[in-house]
Amino acid sequence: MPVVINTNFAATTAANNLAASNDSLQKSLNRLSSGSKIVTPADDAGGLAVSMKLSAAAKRSGAAAINIGNTVSMLQTQDGVLKVTGDVLQRMSELSTLYQDPTKNSTDKSNYDAEFVQLQKQLASLSTEKFNGTALFGSTEIVVPVSEDGKGTVTLTAKNLSSTDATVGLGALADSAGAGSLSSIGTVDAITQALQNVATMRANNGAEQSRLGFAGDVLTTNKANLEAANSRIIDVDVAEESTQLARWNVLVQSGTAMLSQANQSAQTALKLLQ
């Protein structure tokens, strides 16, 4: 190999190797300090794109699970009102039977009527109950998204306590003015039908709570799996990266030493000139 002064190939090669090792060392430091394998898009452009989509899907799954939980709370509140409605109807049924007692005089029956009228008003009041400003009862179904993409839904049946159709709501029993009376009801048939309607509403309510509970379980599981998949793409393996850090650290130190030696090799030419 010729001895030259203008070009120090060994020093150039050592400098290039040192620069590459130092760049890899900085990347390892960045990954370990951030906990992420993808610090910049250049580290893994395709992986970053997939990671962003998985992360967004996981967040949507969490949000959908929260929405389901809120809906279940609304259904629980609704069922609480329906339970009270059933209790009121049972008392009305009891009053209707007592009213038919032939030993009661007109004053006694008027007293039963007074309570019956108040219970009618209470039924009308219960039918207007709300949850966070949303009506618990009405003629419109409620659609609840139960998937992260919003395509999977659960439809909650309409529960209309104030319907005048005796086979659907409370018929003529719920009256905010309390215009009805035990004598106008006549028999317990209307009350029995109203009780059946409320029982059906509670059964539907329970079925909907059960289904939403399972839907929430699916979202929770999916969210965990999405986060795990995203972790495999973006999270750094600390054990592996620590090994790489040690490697690059040694190469940087050795490269620095060798560059120093390469820079001194040109001095050999000076000895030939002495």
Protein backbone atom coordinates (compact mmCIF):
# COMPACT_ATOMS: atom_id res chain seq x y z
CA MET A 1 0.00 0.00 0.00
CA PRO A 2 1.50 3.37 -0.99
CA VAL A 3 2.30 5.96 1.65
CA VAL A 4 0.42 9.20 0.82
CA ILE A 5 -0.30 12.50 2.54
CA ASN A 6 -3.30 14.09 0.74
CA THR A 7 -5.68 11.15 1.19
CA ASN A 8 -6.06 9.23 4.47
CA PHE A 9 -8.38 6.38 3.46
CA ALA A 10 -8.14 4.65 6.82
CA ALA A 11 -9.17 7.80 8.69
CA THR A 12 -12.08 8.39 6.31
CA THR A 13 -13.34 4.83 6.76
CA ALA A 14 -12.96 5.06 10.54
CA ALA A 15 -14.84 8.38 10.56
CA ASN A 16 -17.69 6.91 8.51
CA ASN A 17 -17.94 3.89 10.81
CA LEU A 18 -17.86 6.15 13.86
CA ALA A 19 -20.65 8.34 12.43
CA ALA A 20 -22.82 5.28 11.72
CA SER A 21 -22.21 3.82 15.18
CA ASN A 22 -22.94 7.15 16.84
CA ASP A 23 -26.18 7.50 14.86
CA SER A 24 -27.29 4.01 15.97
CA LEU A 25 -26.32 4.85 19.55
CA GLN A 26 -28.50 7.96 19.47
CA LYS A 27 -31.42 5.94 18.11
CA SER A 28 -31.08 3.41 20.93
CA LEU A 29 -30.97 6.21 23.48
CA ASN A 30 -34.09 7.80 21.97
CA ARG A 31 -35.97 4.48 21.94
CA LEU A 32 -35.11 3.65 25.53
CA SER A 33 -35.88 7.16 26.77
CA SER A 34 -39.25 7.28 24.95
CA GLY A 35 -40.21 3.62 25.37
CA SER A 36 -41.13 3.49 21.68
CA LYS A 37 -39.47 1.69 18.79
CA ILE A 38 -40.84 4.31 16.38
CA VAL A 39 -39.46 7.68 17.44
CA THR A 40 -39.69 9.23 13.99
CA PRO A 41 -41.72 8.12 10.93
CA ALA A 42 -38.46 7.14 9.22
CA ASP A 43 -37.92 4.39 11.81
CA ASP A 44 -40.91 2.37 10.48
CA ALA A 45 -43.26 4.30 8.20
CA GLY A 46 -45.62 1.37 7.59
CA GLY A 47 -45.67 0.34 11.25
CA LEU A 48 -46.46 3.90 12.31
CA ALA A 49 -49.47 4.00 9.97
CA VAL A 50 -50.82 0.71 11.33
CA SER A 51 -50.13 1.81 14.91
CA MET A 52 -52.12 5.02 14.48
CA LYS A 53 -55.14 3.06 13.21
CA LEU A 54 -54.94 0.48 15.99
CA SER A 55 -54.56 3.19 18.63
CA ALA A 56 -57.60 5.06 17.29
CA ALA A 57 -59.66 1.86 17.23
CA ALA A 58 -58.69 1.09 20.82
CA LYS A 59 -59.72 4.57 21.95
CA ARG A 60 -63.05 4.27 20.12
CA SER A 61 -63.64 0.90 21.79
CA GLY A 62 -63.07 2.50 25.18
CA ALA A 63 -65.42 5.37 24.36
CA ALA A 64 -68.11 2.95 23.12
CA ALA A 65 -67.78 0.95 26.36
CA ILE A 66 -68.31 4.16 28.34
CA ASN A 67 -71.43 4.94 26.29
CA ILE A 68 -72.77 1.45 26.97
CA GLY A 69 -72.12 1.90 30.69
CA ASN A 70 -74.06 5.17 30.65
CA THR A 71 -76.92 3.50 28.79
CA VAL A 72 -77.03 0.69 31.35
CA SER A 73 -77.21 3.32 34.10
CA MET A 74 -80.17 4.88 32.29
CA LEU A 75 -81.87 1.49 32.02
CA GLN A 76 -81.28 0.85 35.71
CA THR A 77 -82.88 4.20 36.50
CA GLN A 78 -85.75 3.37 34.18
CA ASP A 79 -86.27 0.03 35.89
CA GLY A 80 -86.30 1.76 39.27
CA VAL A 81 -89.14 3.99 38.07
CA LEU A 82 -90.99 0.99 36.64
CA LYS A 83 -90.66 -0.83 39.95
CA VAL A 84 -92.24 2.11 41.75
CA THR A 85 -94.92 2.24 39.05
CA GLY A 86 -95.71 -1.40 39.75
CA ASP A 87 -95.96 -0.69 43.47
CA VAL A 88 -98.38 2.17 42.78
CA LEU A 89 -100.51 -0.03 40.54
CA GLN A 90 -100.61 -2.75 43.18
CA ARG A 91 -101.89 -0.24 45.71
CA MET A 92 -104.48 0.97 43.20
CA SER A 93 -105.56 -2.62 42.66
CA GLU A 94 -105.89 -3.05 46.40
CA LEU A 95 -107.96 0.14 46.66
CA SER A 96 -110.21 -1.06 43.86
CA THR A 97 -110.93 -4.26 45.76
CA LEU A 98 -111.54 -2.42 49.03
CA TYR A 99 -113.86 -0.04 47.23
CA GLN A 100 -116.14 -2.93 46.34
CA ASP A 101 -116.73 -3.83 49.99
CA PRO A 102 -120.55 -3.67 50.45
CA THR A 103 -120.09 -2.68 54.10
CA LYS A 104 -118.46 0.63 53.16
CA ASN A 105 -120.60 3.74 53.13
CA SER A 106 -120.25 6.61 50.67
CA THR A 107 -117.85 8.51 52.93
CA ASP A 108 -115.56 5.50 53.18
CA LYS A 109 -115.57 5.13 49.41
CA SER A 110 -114.80 8.82 48.98
CA ASN A 111 -111.74 8.36 51.17
CA TYR A 112 -110.55 5.49 48.96
CA ASP A 113 -111.21 7.65 45.93
CA ALA A 114 -109.07 10.46 47.36
CA GLU A 115 -106.02 8.21 47.56
CA PHE A 116 -106.80 6.70 44.16
CA VAL A 117 -106.87 10.14 42.53
CA GLN A 118 -103.49 11.02 44.08
CA LEU A 119 -102.03 7.78 42.79
CA GLN A 120 -103.29 8.60 39.30
CA LYS A 121 -101.39 11.87 39.48
CA GLN A 122 -98.31 10.04 40.69
CA LEU A 123 -98.47 7.66 37.74
CA ALA A 124 -98.64 10.63 35.39
CA SER A 125 -95.63 12.15 37.15
CA LEU A 126 -93.62 8.93 36.86
CA SER A 127 -94.21 8.79 33.12
CA THR A 128 -92.31 12.09 32.71
CA GLU A 129 -89.14 11.03 34.57
CA LYS A 130 -85.82 11.85 32.91
CA PHE A 131 -82.18 10.74 33.06
CA ASN A 132 -79.65 13.52 32.49
CA GLY A 133 -82.33 15.44 30.63
CA THR A 134 -83.30 12.46 28.46
CA ALA A 135 -86.86 11.15 28.79
CA LEU A 136 -86.98 7.63 30.23
CA PHE A 137 -90.34 6.88 28.63
CA GLY A 138 -91.79 7.69 25.23
CA SER A 139 -92.84 6.29 21.89
CA THR A 140 -89.41 6.48 20.23
CA GLU A 141 -86.89 3.64 20.23
CA ILE A 142 -83.30 4.37 21.29
CA VAL A 143 -80.42 3.06 19.16
CA VAL A 144 -77.16 2.40 21.04
CA PRO A 145 -73.88 1.85 19.11
CA VAL A 146 -72.05 -1.15 20.59
CA SER A 147 -69.00 -1.43 18.32
CA GLU A 148 -65.95 0.77 17.81
CA ASP A 149 -66.89 1.47 14.18
CA GLY A 150 -70.46 2.40 15.15
CA LYS A 151 -71.98 -0.18 12.80
CA GLY A 152 -73.09 -2.62 15.50
CA THR A 153 -76.12 -1.33 17.39
CA VAL A 154 -78.66 -2.38 20.01
CA THR A 155 -82.19 -0.98 19.77
CA LEU A 156 -83.95 -0.29 23.05
CA THR A 157 -87.70 -0.80 22.86
CA ALA A 158 -89.94 2.21 23.37
CA LYS A 159 -91.62 2.20 26.76
CA ASN A 160 -94.51 4.63 26.77
CA LEU A 161 -96.18 4.84 30.18
CA SER A 162 -98.35 7.74 29.13
CA SER A 163 -99.90 5.95 26.14
CA THR A 164 -103.70 6.03 26.21
CA ASP A 165 -103.69 2.58 24.61
CA ALA A 166 -104.41 0.35 27.59
CA THR A 167 -102.54 -2.55 25.97
CA VAL A 168 -99.32 -0.50 25.69
CA GLY A 169 -99.16 2.00 28.55
CA LEU A 170 -101.20 2.78 31.61
CA GLY A 171 -104.28 3.70 29.64
CA ALA A 172 -106.65 5.98 31.55
CA LEU A 173 -105.00 5.26 34.91
CA ALA A 174 -102.24 7.86 34.56
CA ASP A 175 -103.99 11.20 34.80
CA SER A 176 -102.17 14.35 35.89
CA ALA A 177 -105.53 15.95 36.67
CA GLY A 178 -106.75 12.97 38.68
CA ALA A 179 -110.05 13.04 36.84
CA GLY A 180 -110.71 9.33 37.17
CA SER A 181 -112.22 7.56 40.15
CA LEU A 182 -112.68 4.05 41.43
CA SER A 183 -116.27 4.08 40.28
CA SER A 184 -115.28 5.06 36.73
CA ILE A 185 -112.64 2.32 36.55
CA GLY A 186 -115.37 -0.18 37.40
CA THR A 187 -113.31 -3.35 37.72
CA VAL A 188 -109.68 -4.28 38.35
CA ASP A 189 -109.25 -5.32 34.70
CA ALA A 190 -107.72 -1.98 33.67
CA ILE A 191 -105.28 -2.09 36.58
CA THR A 192 -104.39 -5.71 35.85
CA GLN A 193 -103.67 -4.83 32.22
CA ALA A 194 -101.52 -1.88 33.33
CA LEU A 195 -99.57 -4.17 35.66
CA GLN A 196 -99.01 -6.58 32.78
CA ASN A 197 -97.71 -3.72 30.63
CA VAL A 198 -95.28 -2.61 33.32
CA ALA A 199 -94.13 -6.21 33.87
CA THR A 200 -93.43 -6.53 30.14
CA MET A 201 -91.50 -3.26 30.15
CA ARG A 202 -89.36 -4.47 33.06
CA ALA A 203 -88.72 -7.76 31.29
CA ASN A 204 -87.58 -5.91 28.16
CA ASN A 205 -85.48 -3.61 30.31
CA GLY A 206 -83.73 -6.56 31.93
CA ALA A 207 -83.11 -8.24 28.58
CA GLU A 208 -81.61 -5.04 27.19
CA GLN A 209 -79.35 -4.62 30.22
CA SER A 210 -78.15 -8.20 29.79
CA ARG A 211 -77.35 -7.73 26.11
CA LEU A 212 -75.56 -4.43 26.69
CA GLY A 213 -73.52 -6.07 29.43
CA PHE A 214 -72.22 -8.68 26.98
CA ALA A 215 -71.63 -6.01 24.34
CA GLY A 216 -69.56 -4.08 26.87
CA ASP A 217 -67.53 -7.22 27.64
CA VAL A 218 -66.72 -7.63 23.94
CA LEU A 219 -65.56 -4.02 23.66
CA THR A 220 -63.37 -4.35 26.75
CA THR A 221 -61.75 -7.51 25.34
CA ASN A 222 -61.29 -5.95 21.91
CA LYS A 223 -59.72 -2.85 23.41
CA ALA A 224 -57.18 -4.95 25.31
CA ASN A 225 -56.33 -6.95 22.17
CA LEU A 226 -55.97 -3.80 20.06
CA GLU A 227 -53.64 -2.27 22.63
CA ALA A 228 -51.58 -5.47 22.72
CA ALA A 229 -51.32 -5.50 18.91
CA ASN A 230 -50.29 -1.85 18.90
CA SER A 231 -47.73 -2.52 21.61
CA ARG A 232 -46.02 -5.17 19.50
CA ILE A 233 -45.58 -2.59 16.74
CA ILE A 234 -44.58 0.53 18.63
CA ASP A 235 -43.29 -0.38 22.11
CA VAL A 236 -39.57 -0.99 22.52
CA ASP A 237 -38.25 -4.27 23.93
CA VAL A 238 -36.10 -2.83 26.72
CA ALA A 239 -34.02 -6.00 27.15
CA GLU A 240 -33.17 -6.21 23.44
CA GLU A 241 -32.59 -2.50 23.02
CA SER A 242 -30.36 -2.36 26.10
CA THR A 243 -28.16 -4.99 24.46
CA GLN A 244 -28.01 -2.90 21.29
CA LEU A 245 -27.18 0.18 23.34
CA ALA A 246 -24.20 -1.59 24.90
CA ARG A 247 -23.05 -2.72 21.46
CA TRP A 248 -23.23 0.72 19.89
CA ASN A 249 -21.62 2.30 22.92
CA VAL A 250 -18.61 0.00 22.58
CA LEU A 251 -18.40 0.62 18.82
CA VAL A 252 -18.49 4.39 19.32
CA GLN A 253 -15.67 4.22 21.84
CA SER A 254 -13.57 1.85 19.70
CA GLY A 255 -14.34 3.87 16.56
CA THR A 256 -13.15 7.03 18.28
CA ALA A 257 -9.93 5.30 19.30
CA MET A 258 -9.34 3.90 15.81
CA LEU A 259 -10.00 7.27 14.17
CA SER A 260 -7.34 8.75 16.41
CA GLN A 261 -4.91 6.02 15.33
CA ALA A 262 -5.77 6.51 11.65
CA ASN A 263 -5.14 10.24 11.90
CA GLN A 264 -1.69 9.55 13.32
CA SER A 265 -0.78 7.07 10.54
CA ALA A 266 -0.02 9.93 8.10
CA GLN A 267 2.89 10.93 10.29
CA THR A 268 4.73 7.91 8.88
CA ALA A 269 5.29 9.91 5.70
CA LEU A 270 7.10 12.64 7.69
CA LYS A 271 9.63 10.14 8.97
CA LEU A 272 10.52 9.27 5.39
CA LEU A 273 11.27 12.93 4.71
CA GLN A 274 13.63 13.37 7.65
